[in-house]
C-alpha cells in the first residue's frame, strides 16, 4: 500500500516490515540531506549483516542458480568449493536488499521529519564484481558501501553517484566486492 506525502513523494510499500533497517548509519557526511548536491565522496554506508542459512542457500539456488555445489552437500563436497556454498548472485542480492532498505530508511526518516527526500533512481549497472571467498551455511556477511565519486549530468535533474561495495565475512575475508553507480535526484529548483 502506498501513501501520499505533502511534498509529493510516495512511499514504497513495505515488503517485510520485521526485517527493515532500524537505524541508518552514515559516516563521512552530514546525514541531513538526501539530494545529489548533499552526497559527499568518501561517505561510508554501513548496510548491516546477514547470516546465510542452508535452507535459503538451497532455495536461492533452486530459483536462480541451480548448480550442484549450491544445491547439495554431497555434490558440493566433490567440487572445488568442498562445502555447500551460496551463489555469488545470492551474496550480491543480499547487498541489494540491504542497500535498498538502508536508502528507504533514510528517506522515511527525512519524510517523517517533514523534509524532502530524493526520489530513488535506477542503476546503470555494476562493474568488476568478484566473489573472493565462498559463503557457507552459518556464515555472516557484513555489507558496506562507500561513495567513490559523483558526476553531474547535463539535464541537471539527476546526477550519477559511484560507489564501491563490499561484503566481508565473520573472519574478515571479502566474500563479494564490486563497483556500481546510481542515478541520484538533484535538489528541485
Protein backbone atom coordinates (compact mmCIF):
# COMPACT_ATOMS: atom_id res chain seq x y z
CA UNK A 1 0.00 0.00 0.00
CA UNK A 2 1.37 3.42 -0.88
CA UNK A 3 0.56 6.76 0.68
CA UNK A 4 1.00 10.33 -0.41
CA UNK A 5 3.39 12.73 1.23
CA UNK A 6 2.86 16.52 1.45
CA UNK A 7 5.89 17.08 -0.80
CA UNK A 8 4.51 14.77 -3.47
CA UNK A 9 6.78 11.86 -2.60
CA UNK A 10 5.13 8.46 -2.49
CA UNK A 11 6.26 5.85 0.00
CA UNK A 12 7.39 2.44 -1.12
CA UNK A 13 5.25 -0.45 0.08
CA UNK A 14 6.80 -2.41 2.95
CA UNK A 15 7.73 -5.93 1.85
CA UNK A 16 8.87 -7.35 5.16
CA UNK A 17 8.49 -4.85 7.99
CA UNK A 18 10.10 -7.17 10.53
CA UNK A 19 13.42 -7.06 8.65
CA UNK A 20 13.74 -3.32 7.98
CA UNK A 21 16.89 -1.43 8.82
CA UNK A 22 16.23 0.31 12.14
CA UNK A 23 18.90 2.99 12.29
CA UNK A 24 20.54 4.30 9.10
CA UNK A 25 24.29 4.59 9.58
CA UNK A 26 26.26 7.10 7.51
CA UNK A 27 29.75 8.34 8.27
CA UNK A 28 31.77 10.98 6.48
CA UNK A 29 28.97 13.46 5.78
CA UNK A 30 26.12 15.41 7.29
CA UNK A 31 23.23 12.97 7.01
CA UNK A 32 20.68 15.81 6.97
CA UNK A 33 20.37 15.99 3.16
CA UNK A 34 19.50 13.39 0.60
CA UNK A 35 19.78 15.06 -2.81
CA UNK A 36 22.68 14.74 -5.26
CA UNK A 37 24.16 18.02 -4.03
CA UNK A 38 24.28 16.62 -0.45
CA UNK A 39 26.24 13.48 -1.33
CA UNK A 40 29.88 13.65 -0.18
CA UNK A 41 32.58 11.49 -1.77
CA UNK A 42 34.02 9.25 0.94
CA UNK A 43 30.72 8.77 2.77
CA UNK A 44 30.53 5.24 4.14
CA UNK A 45 27.22 3.41 4.48
CA UNK A 46 27.20 0.50 6.93
CA UNK A 47 24.36 -1.54 5.48
CA UNK A 48 24.16 -4.31 8.05
CA UNK A 49 24.88 -8.02 8.25
CA UNK A 50 23.20 -11.18 7.05
CA UNK A 51 23.69 -14.78 8.22
CA UNK A 52 23.22 -17.28 5.40
CA UNK A 53 21.30 -20.45 6.24
CA UNK A 54 21.44 -23.78 4.45
CA UNK A 55 17.76 -23.57 3.52
CA UNK A 56 17.98 -20.09 2.00
CA UNK A 57 21.17 -21.01 0.09
CA UNK A 58 19.44 -24.03 -1.44
CA UNK A 59 16.20 -22.11 -2.12
CA UNK A 60 18.02 -19.26 -3.87
CA UNK A 61 19.98 -21.79 -5.94
CA UNK A 62 16.80 -23.67 -6.88
CA UNK A 63 15.25 -20.43 -8.09
CA UNK A 64 18.19 -18.63 -9.72
CA UNK A 65 21.49 -20.58 -9.85
CA UNK A 66 20.81 -24.33 -9.88
CA UNK A 67 24.35 -25.64 -9.77
CA UNK A 68 25.14 -28.79 -7.76
CA UNK A 69 27.53 -27.10 -5.28
CA UNK A 70 24.73 -24.67 -4.31
CA UNK A 71 22.05 -27.37 -4.04
CA UNK A 72 23.52 -30.48 -2.46
CA UNK A 73 26.10 -31.15 0.27
CA UNK A 74 27.39 -34.37 -1.35
CA UNK A 75 27.88 -32.74 -4.75
CA UNK A 76 29.44 -29.70 -3.08
CA UNK A 77 31.94 -31.91 -1.20
CA UNK A 78 33.17 -33.22 -4.57
CA UNK A 79 33.53 -29.72 -6.05
CA UNK A 80 36.36 -27.21 -5.73
CA UNK A 81 34.25 -25.41 -3.08
CA UNK A 82 34.30 -28.58 -0.89
CA UNK A 83 31.15 -27.49 1.02
CA UNK A 84 27.68 -26.27 0.21
CA UNK A 85 28.16 -22.63 -0.80
CA UNK A 86 25.88 -19.70 -1.53
CA UNK A 87 25.63 -18.50 -5.09
CA UNK A 88 27.67 -15.36 -5.67
CA UNK A 89 24.48 -13.86 -7.06
CA UNK A 90 22.85 -14.59 -3.70
CA UNK A 91 25.55 -12.64 -1.84
CA UNK A 92 25.07 -9.74 -4.27
CA UNK A 93 21.26 -9.91 -3.95
CA UNK A 94 21.56 -9.61 -0.16
CA UNK A 95 23.72 -6.48 -0.67
CA UNK A 96 20.98 -5.05 -2.93
CA UNK A 97 18.29 -5.79 -0.35
CA UNK A 98 20.25 -4.17 2.49
CA UNK A 99 21.18 -1.17 0.32
CA UNK A 100 17.54 -0.62 -0.70
CA UNK A 101 16.33 -0.96 2.91
CA UNK A 102 19.03 1.46 4.06
CA UNK A 103 18.04 4.04 1.43
CA UNK A 104 14.35 3.56 2.26
CA UNK A 105 15.05 4.08 5.99
CA UNK A 106 16.92 7.34 5.33
CA UNK A 107 14.15 8.50 3.02
CA UNK A 108 11.43 7.62 5.54
CA UNK A 109 13.31 9.43 8.35
CA UNK A 110 13.51 12.60 6.27
CA UNK A 111 9.84 12.40 5.31
CA UNK A 112 8.79 11.83 8.94
CA UNK A 113 10.72 15.00 9.90
CA UNK A 114 8.79 16.88 7.22
CA UNK A 115 11.80 17.22 4.93
CA UNK A 116 12.04 16.47 1.24
CA UNK A 117 13.83 13.32 0.18
CA UNK A 118 15.32 12.48 -3.18
CA UNK A 119 13.29 10.11 -5.33
CA UNK A 120 15.05 6.77 -5.79
CA UNK A 121 16.82 6.37 -9.12
CA UNK A 122 17.85 3.31 -11.11
CA UNK A 123 21.36 2.00 -11.53
CA UNK A 124 23.00 1.92 -14.96
CA UNK A 125 24.98 -1.13 -13.80
CA UNK A 126 27.84 -2.66 -11.90
CA UNK A 127 31.50 -3.30 -12.73
CA UNK A 128 34.24 -5.61 -11.53
CA UNK A 129 32.01 -7.91 -9.46
CA UNK A 130 34.13 -10.55 -7.77
CA UNK A 131 33.31 -13.35 -5.39
CA UNK A 132 36.55 -13.83 -3.48
CA UNK A 133 35.61 -16.16 -0.62
CA UNK A 134 32.84 -18.78 -0.64
CA UNK A 135 29.91 -18.19 1.71
CA UNK A 136 28.78 -21.32 3.57
CA UNK A 137 25.75 -22.02 5.76
CA UNK A 138 26.15 -20.18 9.06
CA UNK A 139 28.48 -17.51 7.64
CA UNK A 140 27.64 -13.91 8.47
CA UNK A 141 28.50 -11.29 5.86
CA UNK A 142 28.63 -7.59 6.76
CA UNK A 143 27.96 -5.18 3.90
CA UNK A 144 29.32 -1.69 3.32
CA UNK A 145 29.11 0.88 0.53
CA UNK A 146 31.47 3.84 0.11
CA UNK A 147 30.71 6.78 -2.20
CA UNK A 148 33.70 6.85 -4.55
CA UNK A 149 32.69 9.65 -6.91
CA UNK A 150 29.89 11.66 -8.44
CA UNK A 151 29.19 13.40 -11.72
CA UNK A 152 26.58 15.97 -12.70
CA UNK A 153 24.57 15.13 -15.79
CA UNK A 154 23.70 17.67 -18.49
CA UNK A 155 19.96 17.84 -17.80
CA UNK A 156 20.59 18.60 -14.09
CA UNK A 157 17.54 16.76 -12.79
CA UNK A 158 19.74 13.79 -11.91
CA UNK A 159 23.39 13.16 -11.14
CA UNK A 160 25.41 9.97 -11.16
CA UNK A 161 26.83 8.66 -7.86
CA UNK A 162 29.54 5.98 -7.91
CA UNK A 163 30.08 3.55 -5.04
CA UNK A 164 32.47 0.77 -4.02
CA UNK A 165 30.75 -2.12 -2.26
CA UNK A 166 31.99 -4.99 -0.13
CA UNK A 167 30.64 -7.90 1.84
CA UNK A 168 33.06 -9.22 4.47
CA UNK A 169 32.57 -12.49 6.35
CA UNK A 170 32.91 -13.11 10.08
CA UNK A 171 36.62 -13.91 9.61
CA UNK A 172 37.34 -10.56 7.94
CA UNK A 173 37.63 -12.06 4.45
CA UNK A 174 36.00 -10.34 1.49
CA UNK A 175 33.18 -12.51 0.15
CA UNK A 176 31.87 -10.13 -2.54
CA UNK A 177 33.07 -6.82 -3.96
CA UNK A 178 32.01 -4.63 -6.86
CA UNK A 179 31.70 -1.07 -8.09
CA UNK A 180 28.39 0.44 -9.02
CA UNK A 181 26.60 3.63 -9.87
CA UNK A 182 23.13 5.01 -9.35
CA UNK A 183 21.20 7.94 -10.75
CA UNK A 184 20.51 10.40 -7.92
CA UNK A 185 17.89 13.14 -7.99
CA UNK A 186 19.16 16.72 -7.85
CA UNK A 187 17.50 19.19 -5.49
CA UNK A 188 14.46 20.70 -7.21
CA UNK A 189 14.83 24.39 -8.04
